[in-house]
Amino acid sequence: MRAMVIDQVGGPDVLRMAEVDVPEPAAGEVLIRVICAGVNPADWKCREGSLSYFMEYRFPFVIGFDAAGVVAAVGAGVTGFVPGDRVFTQTDVGAGKWGAFAEYVAVNQHSVVRLPDNIAFADAAASPTPALAAWTGLFDEGGLKPGQTVLVHGGGGAVGTFAIQLAKAAGARVAATCSAARREALMQLGCDLAIDYRGSDIADALKAWAPEGADLVLDAVGCGTLPNGLDLLKPGGILVAILTLVPGDSGPDTAEAARRGLRTALAFSKMPSGARLQEIAERLGTGRLQPPRNECLPLADATRALEQVRLGTATAKLVLQVAQA
């Protein structure tokens, strides 16, 4: 099969197209013929070795966290899936298994979810990692409750797109930072206040809208792009940062937060992720949740796609078209 592999961790030049064997699904695994693969910040960090703290690379290694496609075969003991089923998944790449940037990927059955017939493969591939990160940050770490006030920093990105919708569905008041060009799109998602982070003072805009501050701030950008984030919280509030794994980005100041009677947390999705992803699938299928706008590139353009994501120049959620449906 065709796959984008690395033979060592490093920069863009370590990623190459190769012919490798189709993986055999082990007991409890589902083999998926990949139609589309999502491109996430975690993918270029995986390529560069930032995930080596969590996993062991076995070279050649196929990267790629998110996949959507069709079941090709199932391993022993698998129930609920048969060849031909439309599915999507967060792969087991974080556990050191081959990922989605290939024509086939084998995944733990508990991470695989049936894809509603009305959801395109590209939209599905664009969803698992950002949707799960948003859910984890808002609910598992943030403990969001109806009636609370939330600020999503980075509302225009894929994580922010899901966070706004999930928070509104949970009965929260939602503000988000974004570029001026994305303001209208965020308002259509249900955002109550969209703050242009370039043209406005975030703290002043939030205070005018929510004088006491936010119950929860979800920082989906990190790397110091939300200065004085603790100042945006009301007493007892929590700042949840999506784990970036970027060197030097240690997340929020936990000690300072504790001194001020505030809380902090780091959010990252935990595998296997099927139970939570099943809820995401149902909401996508019924239209209660909209996927991020996306752009498809050929699998061979994976290097370019990863660089656009790394440099922040992508204007939509990038998806690799691995095969035709």
C-alpha atoms as a PDB file:
ATOM      1  CA  MET A   1       0.000   0.000   0.000  1.00  0.00           C
ATOM      2  CA  ARG A   2       0.992   3.648  -0.378  1.00  0.00           C
ATOM      3  CA  ALA A   3       1.846   5.400   2.859  1.00  0.00           C
ATOM      4  CA  MET A   4       3.592   8.545   4.071  1.00  0.00           C
ATOM      5  CA  VAL A   5       6.320   7.272   6.401  1.00  0.00           C
ATOM      6  CA  ILE A   6       9.204   8.596   8.465  1.00  0.00           C
ATOM      7  CA  ASP A   7      12.440   6.691   9.055  1.00  0.00           C
ATOM      8  CA  GLN A   8      13.471   9.059  11.838  1.00  0.00           C
ATOM      9  CA  VAL A   9      11.955  12.022  13.598  1.00  0.00           C
ATOM     10  CA  GLY A  10      12.750  15.469  12.244  1.00  0.00           C
ATOM     11  CA  GLY A  11      11.660  18.253   9.923  1.00  0.00           C
ATOM     12  CA  PRO A  12       9.643  18.205   6.696  1.00  0.00           C
ATOM     13  CA  ASP A  13      12.326  16.317   4.765  1.00  0.00           C
ATOM     14  CA  VAL A  14      11.937  13.109   6.830  1.00  0.00           C
ATOM     15  CA  LEU A  15       8.440  12.413   5.479  1.00  0.00           C
ATOM     16  CA  ARG A  16       8.343  10.342   2.277  1.00  0.00           C
ATOM     17  CA  MET A  17       5.934   8.313   0.184  1.00  0.00           C
ATOM     18  CA  ALA A  18       6.647   4.579   0.359  1.00  0.00           C
ATOM     19  CA  GLU A  19       5.200   1.191  -0.526  1.00  0.00           C
ATOM     20  CA  VAL A  20       4.677  -0.857   2.638  1.00  0.00           C
ATOM     21  CA  ASP A  21       2.730  -3.973   3.546  1.00  0.00           C
ATOM     22  CA  VAL A  22      -0.950  -3.670   4.387  1.00  0.00           C
ATOM     23  CA  PRO A  23      -1.249  -4.227   8.149  1.00  0.00           C
ATOM     24  CA  GLU A  24      -2.978  -7.365   9.350  1.00  0.00           C
ATOM     25  CA  PRO A  25      -5.718  -6.641  11.893  1.00  0.00           C
ATOM     26  CA  ALA A  26      -4.813  -8.270  15.210  1.00  0.00           C
ATOM     27  CA  ALA A  27      -7.406  -9.632  17.598  1.00  0.00           C
ATOM     28  CA  GLY A  28      -9.753  -6.821  18.544  1.00  0.00           C
ATOM     29  CA  GLU A  29      -8.690  -4.587  15.638  1.00  0.00           C
ATOM     30  CA  VAL A  30     -10.529  -3.248  12.598  1.00  0.00           C
ATOM     31  CA  LEU A  31      -8.700  -2.787   9.287  1.00  0.00           C
ATOM     32  CA  ILE A  32      -9.926   0.375   7.547  1.00  0.00           C
ATOM     33  CA  ARG A  33      -9.439   1.331   3.910  1.00  0.00           C
ATOM     34  CA  VAL A  34      -8.705   5.017   4.385  1.00  0.00           C
ATOM     35  CA  ILE A  35     -10.626   7.451   2.190  1.00  0.00           C
ATOM     36  CA  CYS A  36      -9.622  10.653   4.012  1.00  0.00           C
ATOM     37  CA  ALA A  37      -7.137  11.456   6.770  1.00  0.00           C
ATOM     38  CA  GLY A  38      -7.343  14.555   8.933  1.00  0.00           C
ATOM     39  CA  VAL A  39      -4.282  16.778   9.386  1.00  0.00           C
ATOM     40  CA  ASN A  40      -3.739  17.989  12.957  1.00  0.00           C
ATOM     41  CA  PRO A  41      -1.030  19.917  14.818  1.00  0.00           C
ATOM     42  CA  ALA A  42      -0.360  16.650  16.639  1.00  0.00           C
ATOM     43  CA  ASP A  43       0.733  15.117  13.326  1.00  0.00           C
ATOM     44  CA  TRP A  44       3.671  17.438  12.672  1.00  0.00           C
ATOM     45  CA  LYS A  45       4.610  17.185  16.347  1.00  0.00           C
ATOM     46  CA  CYS A  46       4.574  13.401  15.972  1.00  0.00           C
ATOM     47  CA  ARG A  47       6.834  13.731  12.924  1.00  0.00           C
ATOM     48  CA  GLU A  48       9.270  15.917  14.865  1.00  0.00           C
ATOM     49  CA  GLY A  49       9.417  13.574  17.861  1.00  0.00           C
ATOM     50  CA  SER A  50       7.441  15.649  20.354  1.00  0.00           C
ATOM     51  CA  LEU A  51       5.335  12.610  21.230  1.00  0.00           C
ATOM     52  CA  SER A  52       8.314  10.422  22.144  1.00  0.00           C
ATOM     53  CA  TYR A  53       7.490  11.027  25.822  1.00  0.00           C
ATOM     54  CA  PHE A  54       4.212   9.135  25.315  1.00  0.00           C
ATOM     55  CA  MET A  55       5.073   6.551  22.663  1.00  0.00           C
ATOM     56  CA  GLU A  56       7.790   4.458  21.078  1.00  0.00           C
ATOM     57  CA  TYR A  57       8.424   4.878  17.356  1.00  0.00           C
ATOM     58  CA  ARG A  58       9.064   1.763  15.289  1.00  0.00           C
ATOM     59  CA  PHE A  59      10.516   2.839  11.952  1.00  0.00           C
ATOM     60  CA  PRO A  60       9.408   3.057   9.242  1.00  0.00           C
ATOM     61  CA  PHE A  61       6.506   4.783  10.954  1.00  0.00           C
ATOM     62  CA  VAL A  62       3.206   6.003   9.485  1.00  0.00           C
ATOM     63  CA  ILE A  63       1.834   9.152  11.127  1.00  0.00           C
ATOM     64  CA  GLY A  64      -1.750  10.434  11.172  1.00  0.00           C
ATOM     65  CA  PHE A  65      -4.218  10.648  14.051  1.00  0.00           C
ATOM     66  CA  ASP A  66      -7.590  10.799  12.263  1.00  0.00           C
ATOM     67  CA  ALA A  67      -9.112   8.612   9.549  1.00  0.00           C
ATOM     68  CA  ALA A  68     -12.410   8.044   7.794  1.00  0.00           C
ATOM     69  CA  GLY A  69     -13.047   5.186   5.413  1.00  0.00           C
ATOM     70  CA  VAL A  70     -14.537   1.752   4.911  1.00  0.00           C
ATOM     71  CA  VAL A  71     -13.986  -1.428   6.926  1.00  0.00           C
ATOM     72  CA  ALA A  72     -11.823  -3.814   4.897  1.00  0.00           C
ATOM     73  CA  ALA A  73     -11.463  -6.660   7.414  1.00  0.00           C
ATOM     74  CA  VAL A  74     -11.799  -7.383  11.124  1.00  0.00           C
ATOM     75  CA  GLY A  75      -9.576  -9.252  13.550  1.00  0.00           C
ATOM     76  CA  ALA A  76     -10.579 -12.081  15.846  1.00  0.00           C
ATOM     77  CA  GLY A  77     -13.151 -11.177  18.459  1.00  0.00           C
ATOM     78  CA  VAL A  78     -14.390  -8.032  16.754  1.00  0.00           C
ATOM     79  CA  THR A  79     -18.139  -7.510  16.926  1.00  0.00           C
ATOM     80  CA  GLY A  80     -20.314  -4.775  15.486  1.00  0.00           C
ATOM     81  CA  PHE A  81     -18.313  -4.164  12.304  1.00  0.00           C
ATOM     82  CA  VAL A  82     -18.298  -5.932   8.948  1.00  0.00           C
ATOM     83  CA  PRO A  83     -16.464  -5.210   5.693  1.00  0.00           C
ATOM     84  CA  GLY A  84     -18.081  -2.348   3.831  1.00  0.00           C
ATOM     85  CA  ASP A  85     -19.143  -0.351   6.905  1.00  0.00           C
ATOM     86  CA  ARG A  86     -18.474   3.385   6.690  1.00  0.00           C
ATOM     87  CA  VAL A  87     -16.466   4.392   9.774  1.00  0.00           C
ATOM     88  CA  PHE A  88     -14.248   7.055  11.260  1.00  0.00           C
ATOM     89  CA  THR A  89     -11.753   6.946  14.087  1.00  0.00           C
ATOM     90  CA  GLN A  90      -8.939   8.416  16.068  1.00  0.00           C
ATOM     91  CA  THR A  91      -6.144   5.962  15.258  1.00  0.00           C
ATOM     92  CA  ASP A  92      -3.783   4.261  17.699  1.00  0.00           C
ATOM     93  CA  VAL A  93      -0.772   6.270  16.491  1.00  0.00           C
ATOM     94  CA  GLY A  94      -0.426   7.759  19.977  1.00  0.00           C
ATOM     95  CA  ALA A  95       0.185   4.243  21.249  1.00  0.00           C
ATOM     96  CA  GLY A  96       2.974   3.660  18.731  1.00  0.00           C
ATOM     97  CA  LYS A  97       0.838   1.967  16.035  1.00  0.00           C
ATOM     98  CA  TRP A  98       0.781   3.028  12.378  1.00  0.00           C
ATOM     99  CA  GLY A  99      -1.496   5.955  11.646  1.00  0.00           C
ATOM    100  CA  ALA A 100      -3.866   7.312   9.019  1.00  0.00           C
ATOM    101  CA  PHE A 101      -1.552   8.682   6.292  1.00  0.00           C
ATOM    102  CA  ALA A 102      -1.829   5.419   4.378  1.00  0.00           C
ATOM    103  CA  GLU A 103      -4.247   3.431   2.248  1.00  0.00           C
ATOM    104  CA  TYR A 104      -5.045   1.135   5.179  1.00  0.00           C
ATOM    105  CA  VAL A 105      -4.867   1.436   8.965  1.00  0.00           C
ATOM    106  CA  ALA A 106      -5.587  -1.102  11.716  1.00  0.00           C
ATOM    107  CA  VAL A 107      -7.284   0.363  14.795  1.00  0.00           C
ATOM    108  CA  ASN A 108      -8.555  -0.907  18.147  1.00  0.00           C
ATOM    109  CA  GLN A 109     -12.254  -1.671  17.682  1.00  0.00           C
ATOM    110  CA  HIS A 110     -13.120   0.486  20.702  1.00  0.00           C
ATOM    111  CA  SER A 111     -11.837   3.581  18.880  1.00  0.00           C
ATOM    112  CA  VAL A 112     -13.854   2.966  15.695  1.00  0.00           C
ATOM    113  CA  VAL A 113     -17.322   4.439  15.173  1.00  0.00           C
ATOM    114  CA  ARG A 114     -19.886   3.976  12.401  1.00  0.00           C
ATOM    115  CA  LEU A 115     -20.184   7.031  10.176  1.00  0.00           C
ATOM    116  CA  PRO A 116     -23.698   8.375   9.501  1.00  0.00           C
ATOM    117  CA  ASP A 117     -24.584   8.048   5.813  1.00  0.00           C
ATOM    118  CA  ASN A 118     -25.153  11.793   5.449  1.00  0.00           C
ATOM    119  CA  ILE A 119     -21.648  12.757   6.624  1.00  0.00           C
ATOM    120  CA  ALA A 120     -18.903  13.044   3.991  1.00  0.00           C
ATOM    121  CA  PHE A 121     -15.621  11.249   4.580  1.00  0.00           C
ATOM    122  CA  ALA A 122     -13.712  14.558   4.520  1.00  0.00           C
ATOM    123  CA  ASP A 123     -15.952  16.068   7.201  1.00  0.00           C
ATOM    124  CA  ALA A 124     -15.570  12.940   9.313  1.00  0.00           C
ATOM    125  CA  ALA A 125     -11.775  12.872   8.998  1.00  0.00           C
ATOM    126  CA  ALA A 126     -11.658  16.527  10.056  1.00  0.00           C
ATOM    127  CA  SER A 127     -13.449  15.805  13.318  1.00  0.00           C
ATOM    128  CA  PRO A 128     -12.058  13.221  15.799  1.00  0.00           C
ATOM    129  CA  THR A 129      -9.022  14.870  17.394  1.00  0.00           C
ATOM    130  CA  PRO A 130     -10.363  18.450  17.568  1.00  0.00           C
ATOM    131  CA  ALA A 131     -13.824  17.362  18.717  1.00  0.00           C
ATOM    132  CA  LEU A 132     -12.419  15.084  21.407  1.00  0.00           C
ATOM    133  CA  ALA A 133     -10.000  17.789  22.563  1.00  0.00           C
ATOM    134  CA  ALA A 134     -12.849  20.297  22.855  1.00  0.00           C
ATOM    135  CA  TRP A 135     -15.021  17.817  24.766  1.00  0.00           C
ATOM    136  CA  THR A 136     -12.189  16.898  27.128  1.00  0.00           C
ATOM    137  CA  GLY A 137     -11.348  20.524  27.808  1.00  0.00           C
ATOM    138  CA  LEU A 138     -14.910  21.666  28.418  1.00  0.00           C
ATOM    139  CA  PHE A 139     -16.366  18.740  30.332  1.00  0.00           C
ATOM    140  CA  ASP A 140     -13.762  16.255  31.570  1.00  0.00           C
ATOM    141  CA  GLU A 141     -11.320  18.922  32.787  1.00  0.00           C
ATOM    142  CA  GLY A 142     -13.439  22.068  32.858  1.00  0.00           C
ATOM    143  CA  GLY A 143     -16.557  20.565  34.458  1.00  0.00           C
ATOM    144  CA  LEU A 144     -18.785  22.872  32.414  1.00  0.00           C
ATOM    145  CA  LYS A 145     -22.329  23.320  33.747  1.00  0.00           C
ATOM    146  CA  PRO A 146     -25.463  24.917  32.277  1.00  0.00           C
ATOM    147  CA  GLY A 147     -25.617  28.660  32.775  1.00  0.00           C
ATOM    148  CA  GLN A 148     -21.869  29.153  33.075  1.00  0.00           C
ATOM    149  CA  THR A 149     -19.844  31.579  30.979  1.00  0.00           C
ATOM    150  CA  VAL A 150     -17.093  30.277  28.697  1.00  0.00           C
ATOM    151  CA  LEU A 151     -14.347  32.014  26.735  1.00  0.00           C
ATOM    152  CA  VAL A 152     -12.873  29.947  23.896  1.00  0.00           C
ATOM    153  CA  HIS A 153      -9.497  31.296  22.830  1.00  0.00           C
ATOM    154  CA  GLY A 154      -8.955  30.283  19.214  1.00  0.00           C
ATOM    155  CA  GLY A 155     -12.601  30.012  18.244  1.00  0.00           C
ATOM    156  CA  GLY A 156     -11.814  30.079  14.535  1.00  0.00           C
ATOM    157  CA  GLY A 157      -9.830  26.828  14.580  1.00  0.00           C
ATOM    158  CA  ALA A 158     -11.140  23.267  14.488  1.00  0.00           C
ATOM    159  CA  VAL A 159     -11.025  22.793  18.271  1.00  0.00           C
ATOM    160  CA  GLY A 160     -12.699  26.155  18.769  1.00  0.00           C
ATOM    161  CA  THR A 161     -15.397  25.366  16.205  1.00  0.00           C
ATOM    162  CA  PHE A 162     -16.391  22.288  18.175  1.00  0.00           C
ATOM    163  CA  ALA A 163     -15.954  23.939  21.587  1.00  0.00           C
ATOM    164  CA  ILE A 164     -18.356  26.771  20.760  1.00  0.00           C
ATOM    165  CA  GLN A 165     -21.062  24.366  19.620  1.00  0.00           C
ATOM    166  CA  LEU A 166     -20.601  21.902  22.475  1.00  0.00           C
ATOM    167  CA  ALA A 167     -20.633  24.648  25.096  1.00  0.00           C
ATOM    168  CA  LYS A 168     -23.784  26.235  23.653  1.00  0.00           C
ATOM    169  CA  ALA A 169     -25.511  22.855  23.513  1.00  0.00           C
ATOM    170  CA  ALA A 170     -24.639  22.411  27.190  1.00  0.00           C
ATOM    171  CA  GLY A 171     -26.446  25.639  28.051  1.00  0.00           C
ATOM    172  CA  ALA A 172     -23.431  27.934  28.468  1.00  0.00           C
ATOM    173  CA  ARG A 173     -22.946  31.545  27.425  1.00  0.00           C
ATOM    174  CA  VAL A 174     -20.025  31.532  24.990  1.00  0.00           C
ATOM    175  CA  ALA A 175     -17.501  34.141  23.933  1.00  0.00           C
ATOM    176  CA  ALA A 176     -14.617  33.364  21.584  1.00  0.00           C
ATOM    177  CA  THR A 177     -11.547  35.062  20.172  1.00  0.00           C
ATOM    178  CA  CYS A 178     -11.057  34.963  16.412  1.00  0.00           C
ATOM    179  CA  SER A 179      -9.891  36.969  13.424  1.00  0.00           C
ATOM    180  CA  ALA A 180     -12.251  39.597  12.031  1.00  0.00           C
ATOM    181  CA  ALA A 181     -12.762  37.409   8.945  1.00  0.00           C
ATOM    182  CA  ARG A 182     -14.106  34.548  11.061  1.00  0.00           C
ATOM    183  CA  ARG A 183     -16.442  36.599  13.268  1.00  0.00           C
ATOM    184  CA  GLU A 184     -19.626  36.021  11.284  1.00  0.00           C
ATOM    185  CA  ALA A 185     -18.983  32.284  10.953  1.00  0.00           C
ATOM    186  CA  LEU A 186     -18.600  31.956  14.723  1.00  0.00           C
ATOM    187  CA  MET A 187     -21.787  33.879  15.366  1.00  0.00           C
ATOM    188  CA  GLN A 188     -23.612  31.475  13.052  1.00  0.00           C
ATOM    189  CA  LEU A 189     -22.325  28.590  15.185  1.00  0.00           C
ATOM    190  CA  GLY A 190     -24.073  30.154  18.178  1.00  0.00           C
ATOM    191  CA  CYS A 191     -21.282  32.209  19.685  1.00  0.00           C
ATOM    192  CA  ASP A 192     -22.697  35.045  21.866  1.00  0.00           C
ATOM    193  CA  LEU A 193     -19.627  37.278  21.580  1.00  0.00           C
ATOM    194  CA  ALA A 194     -16.838  37.082  18.980  1.00  0.00           C
ATOM    195  CA  ILE A 195     -13.739  39.098  19.944  1.00  0.00           C
ATOM    196  CA  ASP A 196     -11.312  40.178  17.236  1.00  0.00           C
ATOM    197  CA  TYR A 197      -8.015  39.367  18.922  1.00  0.00           C
ATOM    198  CA  ARG A 198      -6.143  41.751  16.614  1.00  0.00           C
ATOM    199  CA  GLY A 199      -8.449  44.732  16.768  1.00  0.00           C
ATOM    200  CA  SER A 200      -9.759  44.505  20.344  1.00  0.00           C
ATOM    201  CA  ASP A 201      -8.440  44.189  23.866  1.00  0.00           C
ATOM    202  CA  ILE A 202      -9.631  40.721  24.897  1.00  0.00           C
ATOM    203  CA  ALA A 203      -9.891  41.563  28.600  1.00  0.00           C
ATOM    204  CA  ASP A 204     -11.850  44.784  28.018  1.00  0.00           C
ATOM    205  CA  ALA A 205     -14.245  43.122  25.569  1.00  0.00           C
ATOM    206  CA  LEU A 206     -14.907  40.217  27.914  1.00  0.00           C
ATOM    207  CA  LYS A 207     -15.402  42.460  30.945  1.00  0.00           C
ATOM    208  CA  ALA A 208     -17.941  44.590  29.096  1.00  0.00           C
ATOM    209  CA  TRP A 209     -19.911  41.448  28.258  1.00  0.00           C
ATOM    210  CA  ALA A 210     -19.341  39.454  31.465  1.00  0.00           C
ATOM    211  CA  PRO A 211     -18.279  41.879  34.244  1.00  0.00           C
ATOM    212  CA  GLU A 212     -17.484  39.109  36.739  1.00  0.00           C
ATOM    213  CA  GLY A 213     -15.350  37.198  34.237  1.00  0.00           C
ATOM    214  CA  ALA A 214     -15.642  33.711  32.796  1.00  0.00           C
ATOM    215  CA  ASP A 215     -16.276  30.516  34.708  1.00  0.00           C
ATOM    216  CA  LEU A 216     -14.105  28.645  32.217  1.00  0.00           C
ATOM    217  CA  VAL A 217     -11.458  29.782  29.750  1.00  0.00           C
ATOM    218  CA  LEU A 218     -10.518  27.168  27.144  1.00  0.00           C
ATOM    219  CA  ASP A 219      -7.178  28.043  25.556  1.00  0.00           C
ATOM    220  CA  ALA A 220      -7.088  26.163  22.252  1.00  0.00           C
ATOM    221  CA  VAL A 221      -3.998  28.021  20.990  1.00  0.00           C
ATOM    222  CA  GLY A 222      -1.413  28.121  23.785  1.00  0.00           C
ATOM    223  CA  CYS A 223       2.169  29.328  23.364  1.00  0.00           C
ATOM    224  CA  GLY A 224       1.535  32.525  25.304  1.00  0.00           C
ATOM    225  CA  THR A 225      -1.072  33.875  22.865  1.00  0.00           C
ATOM    226  CA  LEU A 226      -3.533  34.576  25.697  1.00  0.00           C
ATOM    227  CA  PRO A 227      -1.619  36.947  27.990  1.00  0.00           C
ATOM    228  CA  ASN A 228      -2.919  37.221  31.546  1.00  0.00           C
ATOM    229  CA  GLY A 229      -5.474  34.505  30.950  1.00  0.00           C
ATOM    230  CA  LEU A 230      -6.062  34.100  34.686  1.00  0.00           C
ATOM    231  CA  ASP A 231      -7.301  37.712  34.817  1.00  0.00           C
ATOM    232  CA  LEU A 232     -10.248  36.689  32.630  1.00  0.00           C
ATOM    233  CA  LEU A 233     -11.680  34.300  35.233  1.00  0.00           C
ATOM    234  CA  LYS A 234     -14.224  34.975  37.928  1.00  0.00           C
ATOM    235  CA  PRO A 235     -13.339  33.789  41.465  1.00  0.00           C
ATOM    236  CA  GLY A 236     -13.134  29.997  41.529  1.00  0.00           C
ATOM    237  CA  GLY A 237     -12.933  29.775  37.736  1.00  0.00           C
ATOM    238  CA  ILE A 238     -10.745  27.421  35.724  1.00  0.00           C
ATOM    239  CA  LEU A 239      -8.370  27.917  32.805  1.00  0.00           C
ATOM    240  CA  VAL A 240      -8.046  24.774  30.677  1.00  0.00           C
ATOM    241  CA  ALA A 241      -5.285  24.674  28.083  1.00  0.00           C
ATOM    242  CA  ILE A 242      -5.196  22.173  25.237  1.00  0.00           C
ATOM    243  CA  LEU A 243      -1.874  20.337  25.489  1.00  0.00           C
ATOM    244  CA  THR A 244       0.368  21.731  22.719  1.00  0.00           C
ATOM    245  CA  LEU A 245       3.620  19.744  23.270  1.00  0.00           C
ATOM    246  CA  VAL A 246       5.490  22.747  21.832  1.00  0.00           C
ATOM    247  CA  PRO A 247       8.897  23.182  23.538  1.00  0.00           C
ATOM    248  CA  GLY A 248       8.748  26.031  26.028  1.00  0.00           C
ATOM    249  CA  ASP A 249       4.950  26.011  26.306  1.00  0.00           C
ATOM    250  CA  SER A 250       4.413  24.824  29.869  1.00  0.00           C
ATOM    251  CA  GLY A 251       0.764  25.839  29.957  1.00  0.00           C
ATOM    252  CA  PRO A 252      -0.916  28.049  32.554  1.00  0.00           C
ATOM    253  CA  ASP A 253       0.798  29.131  35.765  1.00  0.00           C
ATOM    254  CA  THR A 254      -0.609  26.608  38.220  1.00  0.00           C
ATOM    255  CA  ALA A 255       1.051  28.122  41.284  1.00  0.00           C
ATOM    256  CA  GLU A 256      -0.203  31.624  40.520  1.00  0.00           C
ATOM    257  CA  ALA A 257      -3.684  30.278  39.899  1.00  0.00           C
ATOM    258  CA  ALA A 258      -3.733  28.506  43.262  1.00  0.00           C
ATOM    259  CA  ARG A 259      -2.516  31.652  45.019  1.00  0.00           C
ATOM    260  CA  ARG A 260      -5.469  33.529  43.566  1.00  0.00           C
ATOM    261  CA  GLY A 261      -8.057  30.855  44.294  1.00  0.00           C
ATOM    262  CA  LEU A 262      -8.297  29.799  40.649  1.00  0.00           C
ATOM    263  CA  ARG A 263      -7.762  26.452  38.937  1.00  0.00           C
ATOM    264  CA  THR A 264      -5.902  25.252  35.848  1.00  0.00           C
ATOM    265  CA  ALA A 265      -5.812  22.045  33.835  1.00  0.00           C
ATOM    266  CA  LEU A 266      -4.216  20.593  30.707  1.00  0.00           C
ATOM    267  CA  ALA A 267      -6.490  18.747  28.306  1.00  0.00           C
ATOM    268  CA  PHE A 268      -5.724  15.932  25.914  1.00  0.00           C
ATOM    269  CA  SER A 269      -7.972  13.128  24.707  1.00  0.00           C
ATOM    270  CA  LYS A 270      -7.349   9.669  26.097  1.00  0.00           C
ATOM    271  CA  MET A 271      -7.571   6.504  23.999  1.00  0.00           C
ATOM    272  CA  PRO A 272      -9.525   4.428  23.176  1.00  0.00           C
ATOM    273  CA  SER A 273     -11.980   7.146  22.255  1.00  0.00           C
ATOM    274  CA  GLY A 274     -14.945   5.365  20.676  1.00  0.00           C
ATOM    275  CA  ALA A 275     -17.571   6.018  23.370  1.00  0.00           C
ATOM    276  CA  ARG A 276     -17.060   9.772  23.239  1.00  0.00           C
ATOM    277  CA  LEU A 277     -16.661   9.771  19.455  1.00  0.00           C
ATOM    278  CA  GLN A 278     -19.987   7.924  19.150  1.00  0.00           C
ATOM    279  CA  GLU A 279     -21.707  10.923  20.730  1.00  0.00           C
ATOM    280  CA  ILE A 280     -19.877  13.219  18.293  1.00  0.00           C
ATOM    281  CA  ALA A 281     -21.024  11.039  15.365  1.00  0.00           C
ATOM    282  CA  GLU A 282     -24.659  11.156  16.455  1.00  0.00           C
ATOM    283  CA  ARG A 283     -24.578  14.938  16.751  1.00  0.00           C
ATOM    284  CA  LEU A 284     -22.921  15.293  13.361  1.00  0.00           C
ATOM    285  CA  GLY A 285     -25.485  12.990  11.797  1.00  0.00           C
ATOM    286  CA  THR A 286     -28.451  14.919  13.175  1.00  0.00           C
ATOM    287  CA  GLY A 287     -26.995  18.314  12.325  1.00  0.00           C
ATOM    288  CA  ARG A 288     -26.667  19.382  15.967  1.00  0.00           C
ATOM    289  CA  LEU A 289     -22.919  19.664  15.402  1.00  0.00           C
ATOM    290  CA  GLN A 290     -21.229  21.117  12.339  1.00  0.00           C
ATOM    291  CA  PRO A 291     -17.749  19.927  11.256  1.00  0.00           C
ATOM    292  CA  PRO A 292     -15.056  22.528  10.626  1.00  0.00           C
ATOM    293  CA  ARG A 293     -14.811  23.831   7.074  1.00  0.00           C
ATOM    294  CA  ASN A 294     -12.103  21.827   5.370  1.00  0.00           C
ATOM    295  CA  GLU A 295      -9.917  21.611   2.280  1.00  0.00           C
ATOM    296  CA  CYS A 296      -8.781  18.339   0.697  1.00  0.00           C
ATOM    297  CA  LEU A 297      -5.246  17.768  -0.598  1.00  0.00           C
ATOM    298  CA  PRO A 298      -3.787  14.600  -2.163  1.00  0.00           C
ATOM    299  CA  LEU A 299      -1.960  12.177   0.133  1.00  0.00           C
ATOM    300  CA  ALA A 300       1.263  13.018  -1.711  1.00  0.00           C
ATOM    301  CA  ASP A 301       0.927  16.616  -0.448  1.00  0.00           C
ATOM    302  CA  ALA A 302       1.132  15.563   3.193  1.00  0.00           C
ATOM    303  CA  THR A 303       4.436  17.368   3.720  1.00  0.00           C
ATOM    304  CA  ARG A 304       2.987  20.641   2.437  1.00  0.00           C
ATOM    305  CA  ALA A 305      -0.150  20.176   4.500  1.00  0.00           C
ATOM    306  CA  LEU A 306       1.809  19.601   7.697  1.00  0.00           C
ATOM    307  CA  GLU A 307       3.878  22.723   7.086  1.00  0.00           C
ATOM    308  CA  GLN A 308       0.777  24.833   6.533  1.00  0.00           C
ATOM    309  CA  VAL A 309      -0.607  23.607   9.845  1.00  0.00           C
ATOM    310  CA  ARG A 310       2.720  24.089  11.633  1.00  0.00           C
ATOM    311  CA  LEU A 311       3.153  27.637  10.317  1.00  0.00           C
ATOM    312  CA  GLY A 312      -0.485  28.577  10.812  1.00  0.00           C
ATOM    313  CA  THR A 313      -1.014  29.477   7.150  1.00  0.00           C
ATOM    314  CA  ALA A 314      -3.854  27.038   6.450  1.00  0.00           C
ATOM    315  CA  THR A 315      -7.152  28.847   5.882  1.00  0.00           C
ATOM    316  CA  ALA A 316      -9.292  25.765   6.567  1.00  0.00           C
ATOM    317  CA  LYS A 317      -9.004  22.418   8.304  1.00  0.00           C
ATOM    318  CA  LEU A 318      -6.778  20.339   6.010  1.00  0.00           C
ATOM    319  CA  VAL A 319      -7.704  16.790   5.015  1.00  0.00           C
ATOM    320  CA  LEU A 320      -5.730  14.337   2.888  1.00  0.00           C
ATOM    321  CA  GLN A 321      -7.653  12.564   0.137  1.00  0.00           C
ATOM    322  CA  VAL A 322      -6.134   9.088   0.266  1.00  0.00           C
ATOM    323  CA  ALA A 323      -8.616   7.319  -2.045  1.00  0.00           C
ATOM    324  CA  GLN A 324     -11.937   7.908  -3.729  1.00  0.00           C
ATOM    325  CA  ALA A 325     -15.049   6.739  -1.928  1.00  0.00           C
END
